N, C-alpha and C. Protein backbone atom coordinates (compact mmCIF):
# COMPACT_ATOMS: atom_id res chain seq x y z
N UNK A 1 -100.13 -35.98 29.51
CA UNK A 1 -100.87 -35.89 30.51
C UNK A 1 -100.38 -34.73 31.64
N UNK A 2 -101.17 -33.67 31.84
CA UNK A 2 -100.89 -32.67 32.88
C UNK A 2 -101.16 -33.31 34.50
N UNK A 3 -100.37 -32.81 35.31
CA UNK A 3 -100.54 -33.25 36.70
C UNK A 3 -102.18 -32.71 37.32
N UNK A 4 -102.64 -31.93 36.64
CA UNK A 4 -104.17 -31.41 36.89
C UNK A 4 -105.01 -31.98 36.16
N UNK A 5 -104.72 -32.90 35.28
CA UNK A 5 -105.76 -33.52 34.44
C UNK A 5 -106.72 -34.32 35.18
N UNK A 6 -107.77 -34.68 34.94
CA UNK A 6 -108.80 -35.22 35.64
C UNK A 6 -108.39 -36.72 36.07
N UNK A 7 -107.69 -37.47 35.19
CA UNK A 7 -107.24 -38.76 35.63
C UNK A 7 -105.69 -38.63 35.92
N UNK A 8 -105.17 -37.49 36.45
CA UNK A 8 -103.69 -37.38 36.66
C UNK A 8 -103.48 -37.86 38.00
N UNK A 9 -102.11 -37.74 38.37
CA UNK A 9 -101.67 -38.19 39.88
C UNK A 9 -102.30 -37.39 40.93
N UNK A 10 -102.37 -36.07 40.66
CA UNK A 10 -102.97 -35.18 41.73
C UNK A 10 -104.36 -35.48 41.90
N UNK A 11 -105.33 -35.81 40.91
CA UNK A 11 -106.66 -36.09 41.13
C UNK A 11 -106.77 -37.50 41.68
N UNK A 12 -105.83 -38.28 41.44
CA UNK A 12 -105.99 -39.70 41.80
C UNK A 12 -105.72 -39.40 43.53
N UNK A 13 -104.62 -38.66 43.94
CA UNK A 13 -104.31 -38.58 45.11
C UNK A 13 -105.42 -38.13 46.13
N UNK A 14 -105.86 -37.06 45.48
CA UNK A 14 -107.10 -36.27 46.14
C UNK A 14 -108.35 -37.23 46.38
N UNK A 15 -108.59 -37.99 45.23
CA UNK A 15 -109.67 -38.84 45.43
C UNK A 15 -109.37 -39.92 46.63
N UNK A 16 -108.13 -40.42 46.57
CA UNK A 16 -107.96 -41.58 47.59
C UNK A 16 -107.98 -40.92 49.01
N UNK A 17 -107.47 -39.59 49.29
CA UNK A 17 -107.50 -38.72 50.42
C UNK A 17 -108.89 -38.73 50.65
N UNK A 18 -109.71 -38.46 49.90
CA UNK A 18 -111.22 -38.12 50.19
C UNK A 18 -111.75 -39.34 50.73
N UNK A 19 -111.65 -40.51 50.00
CA UNK A 19 -111.85 -41.67 50.40
C UNK A 19 -111.50 -42.09 51.95
N UNK A 20 -110.24 -41.89 52.06
CA UNK A 20 -109.78 -42.33 53.37
C UNK A 20 -110.29 -41.41 54.44
N UNK A 21 -110.85 -40.22 54.35
CA UNK A 21 -111.28 -39.49 55.09
C UNK A 21 -112.85 -39.81 55.54
N UNK A 22 -113.37 -40.25 54.43
CA UNK A 22 -114.92 -40.93 54.47
C UNK A 22 -114.75 -42.04 55.50
N UNK A 23 -113.76 -42.90 55.13
CA UNK A 23 -113.71 -44.28 55.62
C UNK A 23 -113.21 -44.24 57.28
N UNK A 24 -112.32 -43.28 57.42
CA UNK A 24 -112.12 -42.82 58.85
C UNK A 24 -113.09 -42.47 59.67
N UNK A 25 -114.11 -41.43 59.28
CA UNK A 25 -115.06 -40.99 59.93
C UNK A 25 -116.19 -42.16 60.29
N UNK A 26 -116.47 -42.85 58.98
CA UNK A 26 -117.47 -44.03 59.12
C UNK A 26 -116.93 -44.97 60.22
N UNK A 27 -115.58 -45.41 60.23
CA UNK A 27 -114.99 -46.32 61.41
C UNK A 27 -115.28 -45.70 62.73
N UNK A 28 -114.97 -44.46 62.95
CA UNK A 28 -115.01 -43.89 64.15
C UNK A 28 -116.53 -44.00 64.59
N UNK A 29 -117.43 -43.41 63.85
CA UNK A 29 -119.00 -43.52 64.25
C UNK A 29 -119.36 -44.95 64.51
N UNK A 30 -118.94 -45.91 63.46
CA UNK A 30 -119.38 -47.30 63.81
C UNK A 30 -118.76 -48.04 65.11
N UNK A 31 -117.71 -47.45 65.48
CA UNK A 31 -116.99 -47.91 66.84
C UNK A 31 -117.30 -47.45 68.08
N UNK A 32 -118.34 -46.51 67.98
CA UNK A 32 -118.69 -45.78 69.17
C UNK A 32 -119.25 -46.72 70.32
N UNK A 33 -120.00 -47.86 69.80
CA UNK A 33 -120.21 -48.73 70.86
C UNK A 33 -119.22 -49.72 71.52
N UNK A 34 -117.95 -49.38 71.03
CA UNK A 34 -116.94 -49.99 71.53
C UNK A 34 -117.05 -51.67 70.94
N UNK A 35 -117.91 -52.18 71.23
CA UNK A 35 -118.08 -53.64 71.04
C UNK A 35 -118.06 -53.86 69.41
N UNK A 36 -118.53 -52.93 68.70
CA UNK A 36 -118.47 -53.10 67.25
C UNK A 36 -117.01 -52.76 66.74
N UNK A 37 -115.97 -52.29 67.29
CA UNK A 37 -114.90 -52.02 66.85
C UNK A 37 -114.22 -52.97 65.89
N UNK A 38 -114.27 -53.93 66.21
CA UNK A 38 -113.78 -55.16 65.34
C UNK A 38 -114.31 -55.25 63.96
N UNK A 39 -115.69 -55.20 63.98
CA UNK A 39 -116.31 -55.20 62.67
C UNK A 39 -116.27 -53.87 61.81
N UNK A 40 -115.93 -52.71 62.71
CA UNK A 40 -115.68 -51.54 61.89
C UNK A 40 -114.12 -51.49 61.42
N UNK A 41 -113.29 -51.92 61.83
CA UNK A 41 -112.02 -52.16 61.60
C UNK A 41 -111.85 -53.10 60.26
N UNK A 42 -112.60 -54.27 60.33
CA UNK A 42 -112.47 -55.32 59.35
C UNK A 42 -113.03 -54.71 58.04
N UNK A 43 -114.24 -53.93 58.32
CA UNK A 43 -114.85 -53.30 57.05
C UNK A 43 -113.90 -52.04 56.41
N UNK A 44 -113.22 -51.58 57.30
CA UNK A 44 -112.34 -50.51 57.01
C UNK A 44 -111.07 -51.20 56.23
N UNK A 45 -110.66 -52.35 56.73
CA UNK A 45 -109.37 -53.03 56.04
C UNK A 45 -109.96 -53.57 54.67
N UNK A 46 -111.30 -53.95 54.46
CA UNK A 46 -111.73 -54.66 53.33
C UNK A 46 -111.72 -53.36 52.28
N UNK A 47 -111.82 -52.19 52.75
CA UNK A 47 -112.07 -51.25 51.62
C UNK A 47 -110.68 -50.54 51.36
N UNK A 48 -109.74 -50.50 52.28
CA UNK A 48 -108.31 -50.20 51.84
C UNK A 48 -107.67 -50.87 51.15
N UNK A 49 -107.91 -52.41 51.37
CA UNK A 49 -107.30 -53.30 50.62
C UNK A 49 -107.75 -53.28 49.18
N UNK A 50 -109.10 -52.73 48.75
CA UNK A 50 -109.75 -52.74 47.52
C UNK A 50 -108.89 -51.43 47.16
N UNK A 51 -108.86 -50.43 47.71
CA UNK A 51 -107.83 -49.14 47.34
C UNK A 51 -106.58 -49.39 46.68
N UNK A 52 -105.93 -50.51 47.65
CA UNK A 52 -104.52 -50.79 47.24
C UNK A 52 -104.48 -51.65 46.19
N UNK A 53 -105.51 -52.27 45.70
CA UNK A 53 -105.62 -53.03 44.59
C UNK A 53 -106.17 -52.43 43.35
N UNK A 54 -106.51 -51.02 43.64
CA UNK A 54 -107.11 -50.26 42.52
C UNK A 54 -108.40 -50.77 41.96
N UNK A 55 -109.36 -51.37 43.04
CA UNK A 55 -110.41 -51.82 42.57
C UNK A 55 -111.46 -50.72 42.98
N UNK A 56 -112.26 -50.54 42.06
CA UNK A 56 -113.43 -49.50 42.19
C UNK A 56 -114.43 -50.04 42.82
N UNK A 57 -115.23 -49.17 43.33
CA UNK A 57 -116.53 -49.36 44.24
C UNK A 57 -117.10 -48.11 45.02
N UNK A 58 -118.36 -48.33 45.37
CA UNK A 58 -118.98 -47.28 46.11
C UNK A 58 -118.39 -47.52 47.65
N UNK A 59 -117.83 -46.46 48.04
CA UNK A 59 -117.14 -46.48 49.54
C UNK A 59 -118.18 -46.87 50.46
N UNK A 60 -119.04 -45.98 50.63
CA UNK A 60 -119.98 -45.91 51.76
C UNK A 60 -120.89 -47.27 51.95
N UNK A 61 -121.46 -47.72 50.56
CA UNK A 61 -122.25 -48.76 50.62
C UNK A 61 -121.58 -50.18 50.93
N UNK A 62 -120.29 -50.09 50.16
CA UNK A 62 -119.59 -51.41 50.33
C UNK A 62 -118.85 -51.58 51.79
N UNK A 63 -118.76 -50.27 52.43
CA UNK A 63 -118.22 -50.42 53.78
C UNK A 63 -119.20 -51.12 54.63
N UNK A 64 -120.59 -50.71 54.55
CA UNK A 64 -121.63 -51.11 55.39
C UNK A 64 -121.83 -52.63 54.98
N UNK A 65 -121.76 -52.90 53.96
CA UNK A 65 -121.72 -54.28 53.39
C UNK A 65 -120.79 -55.32 54.23
N UNK A 66 -119.55 -54.80 53.94
CA UNK A 66 -118.37 -55.50 54.54
C UNK A 66 -118.71 -55.51 56.05
N UNK A 67 -119.34 -54.41 56.94
CA UNK A 67 -119.40 -54.39 58.21
C UNK A 67 -120.42 -55.52 58.45
N UNK A 68 -121.55 -55.43 57.89
CA UNK A 68 -122.63 -56.65 58.16
C UNK A 68 -121.86 -57.94 57.79
N UNK A 69 -121.23 -58.36 56.70
CA UNK A 69 -120.93 -59.54 56.44
C UNK A 69 -119.83 -60.15 57.37
N UNK A 70 -119.25 -59.21 58.06
CA UNK A 70 -118.18 -59.82 59.13
C UNK A 70 -118.51 -59.50 60.56
N UNK A 71 -119.48 -58.97 60.64
CA UNK A 71 -119.95 -58.66 61.93
C UNK A 71 -119.83 -59.60 63.25
N UNK A 72 -120.17 -60.87 62.99
CA UNK A 72 -120.31 -61.70 63.93
C UNK A 72 -118.89 -62.25 64.29
N UNK A 73 -118.21 -62.75 63.23
CA UNK A 73 -116.80 -63.32 63.50
C UNK A 73 -115.75 -62.07 64.02
N UNK A 74 -115.99 -60.92 63.43
CA UNK A 74 -115.05 -59.65 63.94
C UNK A 74 -115.38 -59.44 65.32
N UNK A 75 -116.61 -59.36 65.89
CA UNK A 75 -117.04 -59.14 66.94
C UNK A 75 -116.59 -59.88 68.08
N UNK A 76 -116.82 -61.24 67.82
CA UNK A 76 -116.21 -62.34 68.63
C UNK A 76 -114.69 -62.21 68.94
N UNK A 77 -113.99 -62.24 67.75
CA UNK A 77 -112.39 -62.09 67.85
C UNK A 77 -111.94 -60.83 68.64
N UNK A 78 -112.66 -59.78 68.37
CA UNK A 78 -112.37 -58.52 68.91
C UNK A 78 -112.59 -58.51 70.43
N UNK A 79 -113.95 -59.06 71.09
CA UNK A 79 -114.06 -59.29 72.24
C UNK A 79 -113.07 -60.09 73.04
N UNK A 80 -112.71 -61.26 72.22
CA UNK A 80 -111.53 -62.04 72.83
C UNK A 80 -110.16 -61.49 73.18
N UNK A 81 -109.73 -60.86 72.04
CA UNK A 81 -108.55 -60.26 71.85
C UNK A 81 -108.40 -58.86 72.59
N UNK A 82 -109.48 -58.08 72.28
CA UNK A 82 -109.60 -56.82 72.97
C UNK A 82 -109.73 -57.02 74.33
N UNK A 83 -110.50 -57.98 74.88
CA UNK A 83 -110.88 -58.06 76.34
C UNK A 83 -109.38 -58.34 76.96
N UNK A 84 -108.72 -59.37 76.48
CA UNK A 84 -107.31 -59.74 77.12
C UNK A 84 -106.33 -58.67 77.10
N UNK A 85 -106.37 -57.68 76.19
CA UNK A 85 -105.57 -56.61 76.05
C UNK A 85 -106.04 -55.57 77.11
N UNK A 86 -107.31 -55.34 77.26
CA UNK A 86 -107.87 -54.46 78.30
C UNK A 86 -107.60 -55.21 79.42
N UNK A 87 -107.78 -56.39 79.95
CA UNK A 87 -107.68 -56.98 81.24
C UNK A 87 -106.27 -56.84 81.64
N UNK A 88 -105.25 -57.13 80.52
CA UNK A 88 -103.70 -56.92 81.09
C UNK A 88 -103.26 -55.43 81.16
N UNK A 89 -103.96 -54.71 80.50
CA UNK A 89 -103.79 -53.12 80.43
C UNK A 89 -104.20 -52.59 81.98
N UNK A 90 -105.31 -53.13 82.33
CA UNK A 90 -105.70 -52.65 83.62
C UNK A 90 -104.94 -53.47 84.81
N UNK A 91 -104.46 -54.64 84.40
CA UNK A 91 -103.66 -55.42 85.55
C UNK A 91 -102.36 -54.51 85.65
N UNK A 92 -101.71 -54.06 84.68
CA UNK A 92 -100.42 -53.02 84.68
C UNK A 92 -100.60 -52.00 85.53
N UNK A 93 -101.86 -51.46 85.19
CA UNK A 93 -102.34 -50.14 86.10
C UNK A 93 -102.41 -50.45 87.42
N UNK A 94 -103.09 -51.40 87.98
CA UNK A 94 -103.12 -51.83 89.45
C UNK A 94 -101.83 -52.12 90.11
N UNK A 95 -100.88 -52.57 89.19
CA UNK A 95 -99.51 -53.00 89.73
C UNK A 95 -98.48 -51.91 89.64
N UNK A 96 -98.98 -50.71 89.43
CA UNK A 96 -97.99 -49.51 88.95
C UNK A 96 -97.46 -49.09 90.33
N UNK A 97 -97.80 -49.57 91.48
CA UNK A 97 -97.46 -49.29 92.82
C UNK A 97 -96.48 -50.15 93.39
N UNK A 98 -96.46 -51.27 92.64
CA UNK A 98 -95.44 -52.40 93.08
C UNK A 98 -94.08 -52.03 92.70
N UNK A 99 -93.29 -51.96 93.34
CA UNK A 99 -91.78 -51.30 93.29
C UNK A 99 -90.78 -52.66 93.06
N UNK A 100 -89.44 -52.35 92.91
CA UNK A 100 -88.81 -53.70 92.79
C UNK A 100 -88.72 -54.40 91.55
N UNK A 101 -87.72 -55.42 91.45
CA UNK A 101 -87.40 -56.11 90.27
C UNK A 101 -88.69 -56.98 89.64
N UNK A 102 -89.26 -57.54 90.73
CA UNK A 102 -90.62 -58.43 90.57
C UNK A 102 -91.48 -57.57 89.91
N UNK A 103 -91.96 -56.52 90.33
CA UNK A 103 -93.02 -55.62 89.79
C UNK A 103 -92.69 -54.99 88.29
N UNK A 104 -91.41 -54.83 88.06
CA UNK A 104 -91.03 -54.33 86.86
C UNK A 104 -91.06 -55.47 85.81
N UNK A 105 -90.41 -56.44 86.20
CA UNK A 105 -90.38 -57.57 85.26
C UNK A 105 -91.79 -58.21 84.84
N UNK A 106 -92.58 -58.13 85.68
CA UNK A 106 -94.01 -58.38 85.60
C UNK A 106 -94.61 -57.70 84.47
N UNK A 107 -94.68 -56.38 84.84
CA UNK A 107 -95.31 -55.34 83.88
C UNK A 107 -94.52 -55.30 82.62
N UNK A 108 -93.44 -55.55 82.63
CA UNK A 108 -92.76 -55.74 81.21
C UNK A 108 -93.27 -56.94 80.32
N UNK A 109 -93.47 -57.85 81.00
CA UNK A 109 -93.82 -59.10 80.28
C UNK A 109 -95.31 -58.77 79.95
N UNK A 110 -96.14 -58.36 80.79
CA UNK A 110 -97.51 -58.06 80.29
C UNK A 110 -97.58 -57.19 79.16
N UNK A 111 -96.84 -56.20 79.37
CA UNK A 111 -96.71 -55.07 78.21
C UNK A 111 -96.19 -55.95 76.88
N UNK A 112 -95.30 -56.76 76.86
CA UNK A 112 -94.90 -57.44 75.66
C UNK A 112 -95.94 -58.44 75.02
N UNK A 113 -96.77 -58.91 76.05
CA UNK A 113 -97.97 -59.99 75.69
C UNK A 113 -98.94 -59.06 74.99
N UNK A 114 -99.03 -58.09 75.49
CA UNK A 114 -100.09 -56.76 74.99
C UNK A 114 -99.80 -56.66 73.45
N UNK A 115 -98.48 -56.16 73.28
CA UNK A 115 -98.02 -55.81 71.94
C UNK A 115 -98.24 -57.13 70.79
N UNK A 116 -97.99 -58.26 71.52
CA UNK A 116 -98.32 -59.43 70.59
C UNK A 116 -99.55 -59.66 70.14
N UNK A 117 -100.78 -59.49 71.15
CA UNK A 117 -101.87 -59.76 70.97
C UNK A 117 -102.42 -58.58 69.97
N UNK A 118 -101.76 -57.39 70.01
CA UNK A 118 -102.20 -56.39 69.29
C UNK A 118 -101.81 -56.57 67.62
N UNK A 119 -100.54 -57.02 67.82
CA UNK A 119 -100.15 -57.40 66.37
C UNK A 119 -101.15 -58.76 65.58
N UNK A 120 -101.33 -59.47 66.42
CA UNK A 120 -102.23 -60.53 65.85
C UNK A 120 -103.75 -59.95 65.64
N UNK A 121 -104.13 -59.08 66.35
CA UNK A 121 -105.39 -58.55 66.12
C UNK A 121 -105.45 -57.70 64.81
N UNK A 122 -104.38 -57.08 64.44
CA UNK A 122 -104.24 -56.29 63.45
C UNK A 122 -104.55 -57.29 62.17
N UNK A 123 -103.69 -58.23 62.24
CA UNK A 123 -103.74 -59.52 61.10
C UNK A 123 -104.94 -59.98 61.04
N UNK A 124 -105.72 -60.18 62.13
CA UNK A 124 -107.06 -60.82 62.27
C UNK A 124 -107.98 -59.86 61.43
N UNK A 125 -107.89 -58.51 61.59
CA UNK A 125 -108.84 -57.69 60.76
C UNK A 125 -108.59 -57.88 59.39
N UNK A 126 -107.28 -57.93 58.80
CA UNK A 126 -106.89 -58.09 57.73
C UNK A 126 -107.20 -59.49 56.99
N UNK A 127 -107.07 -60.48 57.77
CA UNK A 127 -107.37 -61.77 57.25
C UNK A 127 -108.94 -61.75 57.21
N UNK A 128 -109.80 -61.47 58.01
CA UNK A 128 -111.16 -61.24 57.97
C UNK A 128 -111.60 -60.53 56.87
N UNK A 129 -111.01 -59.57 56.44
CA UNK A 129 -111.44 -58.61 55.35
C UNK A 129 -111.13 -59.34 53.93
N UNK A 130 -110.24 -60.35 53.94
CA UNK A 130 -110.05 -60.92 52.64
C UNK A 130 -110.33 -62.32 52.43
N UNK A 131 -110.45 -63.13 53.58
CA UNK A 131 -110.68 -64.62 53.38
C UNK A 131 -112.00 -65.06 54.02
N UNK A 132 -112.73 -65.88 53.58
CA UNK A 132 -113.94 -66.67 54.22
C UNK A 132 -113.51 -68.00 55.07
N UNK A 133 -113.37 -67.74 56.27
CA UNK A 133 -112.99 -68.95 57.18
C UNK A 133 -113.66 -68.92 58.58
N UNK A 134 -113.61 -70.18 59.26
CA UNK A 134 -114.15 -70.03 60.53
C UNK A 134 -113.38 -69.23 61.70
N UNK A 135 -113.82 -68.84 62.71
CA UNK A 135 -113.20 -68.16 63.70
C UNK A 135 -112.00 -68.72 64.28
N UNK A 136 -111.81 -69.93 64.42
CA UNK A 136 -110.78 -70.65 65.00
C UNK A 136 -109.59 -70.67 63.85
N UNK A 137 -109.83 -70.78 62.54
CA UNK A 137 -108.86 -70.76 61.43
C UNK A 137 -108.47 -69.36 61.22
N UNK A 138 -109.54 -68.33 61.41
CA UNK A 138 -109.01 -66.94 61.11
C UNK A 138 -107.68 -66.64 62.06
N UNK A 139 -108.51 -66.89 63.50
CA UNK A 139 -107.29 -66.66 64.46
C UNK A 139 -105.95 -67.28 64.24
N UNK A 140 -105.96 -68.50 64.02
CA UNK A 140 -104.78 -69.46 63.54
C UNK A 140 -103.94 -68.81 62.57
N UNK A 141 -104.66 -68.54 61.22
CA UNK A 141 -103.98 -67.87 60.09
C UNK A 141 -103.28 -66.58 60.45
N UNK A 142 -104.14 -65.78 61.29
CA UNK A 142 -103.67 -64.44 61.43
C UNK A 142 -102.12 -64.70 62.34
N UNK A 143 -102.27 -65.31 63.51
CA UNK A 143 -101.14 -65.80 64.23
C UNK A 143 -99.88 -66.26 63.37
N UNK A 144 -100.29 -67.11 62.33
CA UNK A 144 -99.05 -67.65 61.58
C UNK A 144 -98.44 -66.63 60.76
N UNK A 145 -99.46 -65.78 60.15
CA UNK A 145 -98.79 -64.67 59.42
C UNK A 145 -97.97 -63.70 60.05
N UNK A 146 -98.51 -63.64 61.45
CA UNK A 146 -97.84 -62.62 62.17
C UNK A 146 -96.41 -63.19 62.75
N UNK A 147 -96.23 -64.49 63.13
CA UNK A 147 -95.14 -65.04 63.30
C UNK A 147 -94.23 -65.32 62.14
N UNK A 148 -94.69 -65.51 60.99
CA UNK A 148 -93.93 -65.94 59.85
C UNK A 148 -93.25 -64.52 59.29
N UNK A 149 -94.00 -63.55 59.64
CA UNK A 149 -93.32 -62.18 59.02
C UNK A 149 -93.23 -61.28 60.43
N UNK A 150 -92.52 -61.57 61.26
CA UNK A 150 -92.56 -60.71 62.47
C UNK A 150 -92.08 -59.40 62.30
N UNK A 151 -91.03 -59.06 61.71
CA UNK A 151 -90.68 -57.69 61.42
C UNK A 151 -91.54 -56.83 60.85
N UNK A 152 -92.09 -57.38 59.80
CA UNK A 152 -93.17 -56.73 59.20
C UNK A 152 -94.57 -56.61 60.15
N UNK A 153 -94.68 -57.58 60.70
CA UNK A 153 -95.73 -57.21 61.95
C UNK A 153 -95.62 -56.31 62.75
N UNK A 154 -94.33 -56.11 63.45
CA UNK A 154 -93.93 -55.08 64.17
C UNK A 154 -94.06 -53.69 63.38
N UNK A 155 -93.74 -53.52 62.23
CA UNK A 155 -93.93 -52.30 61.52
C UNK A 155 -95.47 -52.02 61.36
N UNK A 156 -96.35 -52.93 61.17
CA UNK A 156 -97.60 -52.74 61.06
C UNK A 156 -98.37 -52.28 62.28
N UNK A 157 -97.68 -52.66 63.46
CA UNK A 157 -98.07 -52.20 64.78
C UNK A 157 -97.75 -50.92 65.00
N UNK A 158 -96.38 -50.47 64.64
CA UNK A 158 -96.03 -49.07 64.93
C UNK A 158 -96.89 -48.19 64.01
N UNK A 159 -97.19 -48.63 62.79
CA UNK A 159 -97.91 -47.80 61.88
C UNK A 159 -99.28 -47.48 62.69
N UNK A 160 -100.01 -48.54 63.16
CA UNK A 160 -101.27 -48.41 63.56
C UNK A 160 -101.15 -47.53 65.00
N UNK A 161 -100.01 -47.59 65.77
CA UNK A 161 -100.01 -46.82 66.95
C UNK A 161 -99.57 -45.36 66.79
N UNK A 162 -99.13 -45.13 65.57
CA UNK A 162 -98.70 -43.60 65.24
C UNK A 162 -99.60 -42.52 65.63
N UNK A 163 -101.11 -42.57 65.34
CA UNK A 163 -101.96 -41.71 65.61
C UNK A 163 -101.89 -41.52 66.97
N UNK A 164 -102.02 -42.50 67.86
CA UNK A 164 -102.11 -42.46 69.51
C UNK A 164 -100.51 -41.82 69.85
N UNK A 165 -99.48 -42.20 69.33
CA UNK A 165 -98.30 -41.36 69.68
C UNK A 165 -98.26 -40.15 69.37
N UNK A 166 -98.86 -39.66 68.34
CA UNK A 166 -98.87 -38.16 67.94
C UNK A 166 -99.83 -37.46 68.94
N UNK A 167 -100.87 -38.01 69.57
CA UNK A 167 -101.67 -37.42 70.45
C UNK A 167 -100.83 -37.08 71.63
N UNK A 168 -99.74 -38.03 72.23
CA UNK A 168 -99.00 -37.86 73.42
C UNK A 168 -98.10 -36.66 73.16
N UNK A 169 -97.86 -36.53 71.82
CA UNK A 169 -96.82 -35.34 71.55
C UNK A 169 -97.56 -34.09 71.76
N UNK A 170 -98.68 -33.80 71.08
CA UNK A 170 -99.60 -32.52 70.89
C UNK A 170 -101.10 -33.03 70.80
N UNK A 171 -101.91 -32.42 71.42
CA UNK A 171 -103.39 -32.52 71.10
C UNK A 171 -103.85 -32.01 69.93
N UNK A 172 -102.96 -31.23 69.28
CA UNK A 172 -103.09 -30.47 67.98
C UNK A 172 -103.44 -31.65 66.88
N UNK A 173 -102.81 -32.71 67.07
CA UNK A 173 -102.97 -33.68 66.14
C UNK A 173 -104.30 -34.30 66.10
N UNK A 174 -105.09 -34.06 67.00
CA UNK A 174 -106.47 -34.53 67.23
C UNK A 174 -107.24 -34.49 65.78
N UNK A 175 -106.97 -33.45 65.29
CA UNK A 175 -107.67 -33.29 63.77
C UNK A 175 -107.26 -34.31 62.91
N UNK A 176 -105.91 -34.38 62.75
CA UNK A 176 -105.42 -35.53 62.01
C UNK A 176 -105.99 -36.74 62.41
N UNK A 177 -105.87 -37.18 63.42
CA UNK A 177 -106.42 -38.61 63.65
C UNK A 177 -107.90 -38.52 63.44
N UNK A 178 -108.66 -37.49 63.63
CA UNK A 178 -110.04 -37.57 63.27
C UNK A 178 -110.24 -37.87 61.72
N UNK A 179 -109.38 -37.26 60.83
CA UNK A 179 -109.57 -37.36 59.61
C UNK A 179 -109.04 -38.64 58.77
N UNK A 180 -107.91 -38.98 59.38
CA UNK A 180 -107.23 -40.23 58.74
C UNK A 180 -106.37 -41.08 59.94
N UNK A 181 -106.66 -40.74 61.01
CA UNK A 181 -105.91 -41.53 62.20
C UNK A 181 -105.86 -43.16 61.99
N UNK A 182 -107.22 -43.75 61.47
CA UNK A 182 -107.52 -45.06 61.43
C UNK A 182 -107.34 -45.51 59.96
N UNK A 183 -107.76 -44.60 59.03
CA UNK A 183 -107.64 -45.22 57.62
C UNK A 183 -106.35 -44.99 56.94
N UNK A 184 -105.52 -43.95 57.55
CA UNK A 184 -104.11 -43.70 56.90
C UNK A 184 -103.38 -44.94 57.26
N UNK A 185 -103.19 -45.24 58.42
CA UNK A 185 -102.14 -46.31 58.74
C UNK A 185 -102.76 -47.78 58.04
N UNK A 186 -103.81 -47.97 58.31
CA UNK A 186 -104.65 -49.06 57.62
C UNK A 186 -104.41 -49.15 56.04
N UNK A 187 -104.45 -48.17 55.46
CA UNK A 187 -104.14 -48.01 53.92
C UNK A 187 -102.76 -48.64 53.67
N UNK A 188 -101.66 -47.98 54.55
CA UNK A 188 -100.42 -48.26 54.35
C UNK A 188 -100.10 -49.75 54.66
N UNK A 189 -100.79 -50.41 55.70
CA UNK A 189 -100.70 -51.68 55.90
C UNK A 189 -101.47 -52.73 54.79
N UNK A 190 -102.38 -51.97 54.54
CA UNK A 190 -103.12 -52.72 53.12
C UNK A 190 -102.30 -52.89 52.00
N UNK A 191 -101.20 -52.23 51.60
CA UNK A 191 -100.33 -52.40 50.67
C UNK A 191 -99.45 -53.57 51.06
N UNK A 192 -99.19 -53.58 52.16
CA UNK A 192 -98.50 -54.92 52.60
C UNK A 192 -99.33 -56.03 52.63
N UNK A 193 -100.36 -56.10 53.03
CA UNK A 193 -101.23 -57.20 53.25
C UNK A 193 -101.76 -57.69 51.70
N UNK A 194 -102.09 -56.74 51.05
CA UNK A 194 -102.41 -57.14 49.60
C UNK A 194 -101.44 -58.04 48.83
N UNK A 195 -100.23 -57.60 49.12
CA UNK A 195 -98.80 -58.42 48.37
C UNK A 195 -98.89 -59.57 49.38
N UNK A 196 -99.04 -59.83 50.43
CA UNK A 196 -98.61 -60.92 51.41
C UNK A 196 -99.82 -62.01 50.93
N UNK A 197 -101.09 -61.49 51.00
CA UNK A 197 -102.18 -62.51 50.48
C UNK A 197 -102.03 -62.73 49.22
N UNK A 198 -101.48 -62.37 48.34
CA UNK A 198 -101.81 -62.62 46.96
C UNK A 198 -101.49 -63.96 46.43
N UNK A 199 -100.43 -64.55 47.01
CA UNK A 199 -99.91 -66.00 46.72
C UNK A 199 -100.95 -67.12 47.24
N UNK A 200 -101.86 -66.83 48.43
CA UNK A 200 -102.76 -67.53 49.14
C UNK A 200 -103.95 -67.55 48.29
N UNK A 201 -104.33 -66.10 47.75
CA UNK A 201 -105.51 -66.05 47.02
C UNK A 201 -105.43 -66.79 45.65
N UNK A 202 -104.35 -66.81 45.17
CA UNK A 202 -103.91 -67.36 43.77
C UNK A 202 -104.35 -69.14 44.15
N UNK A 203 -103.86 -69.59 45.11
CA UNK A 203 -104.13 -70.93 45.63
C UNK A 203 -105.54 -71.33 45.66
N UNK A 204 -106.40 -70.40 46.33
CA UNK A 204 -107.77 -70.56 46.50
C UNK A 204 -108.44 -70.58 45.04
N UNK A 205 -108.05 -69.67 44.12
CA UNK A 205 -108.56 -69.66 42.85
C UNK A 205 -108.21 -70.94 41.95
N UNK A 206 -107.08 -71.62 42.20
CA UNK A 206 -106.73 -72.64 41.58
C UNK A 206 -107.51 -73.86 42.03
N UNK A 207 -107.88 -74.04 43.38
CA UNK A 207 -108.57 -75.04 44.13
C UNK A 207 -110.11 -74.92 43.64
């Protein structure tokens, strides 16, 4: 089988890249109202985890199906955690003029809490995308996954932040972010989440 064969590695890579670009643009568009960001990211994680598992399906229609199915829970959890992150970020900005040890320590503590909430939020999107549960249990399970695999959770956060970090380096990366800034890191994270959730999915199947 040649590299340029229709079912070869190159064709598979280009197909996956095309799907990621479509998913990225869909997620950006569906996130424009801001409050829909949670549902958009959950739909994205639903699709990239299917890609990671080599599951076929129609990208656009299945994306909107996942968006609709998880809209309520994803929106509530996003407004809670996203709101807390926004509030603490604004608090840090307000306290930027406070000098001395107290001001520095307080800002560092808030920043660490923001990072923790961000890690939990990433896991919430992934858990929602794969499991049917209550809002409370979804948040609880996401926290447990995050704490139980803390080094991996930190890595998932770093992957998610790479597009924003690239923009601080140069605005030339805006085109990359537009094409795969959300879907690229999400796909890499999905490979990890697919393996992490495998044992729990098998338990559900047995039950």
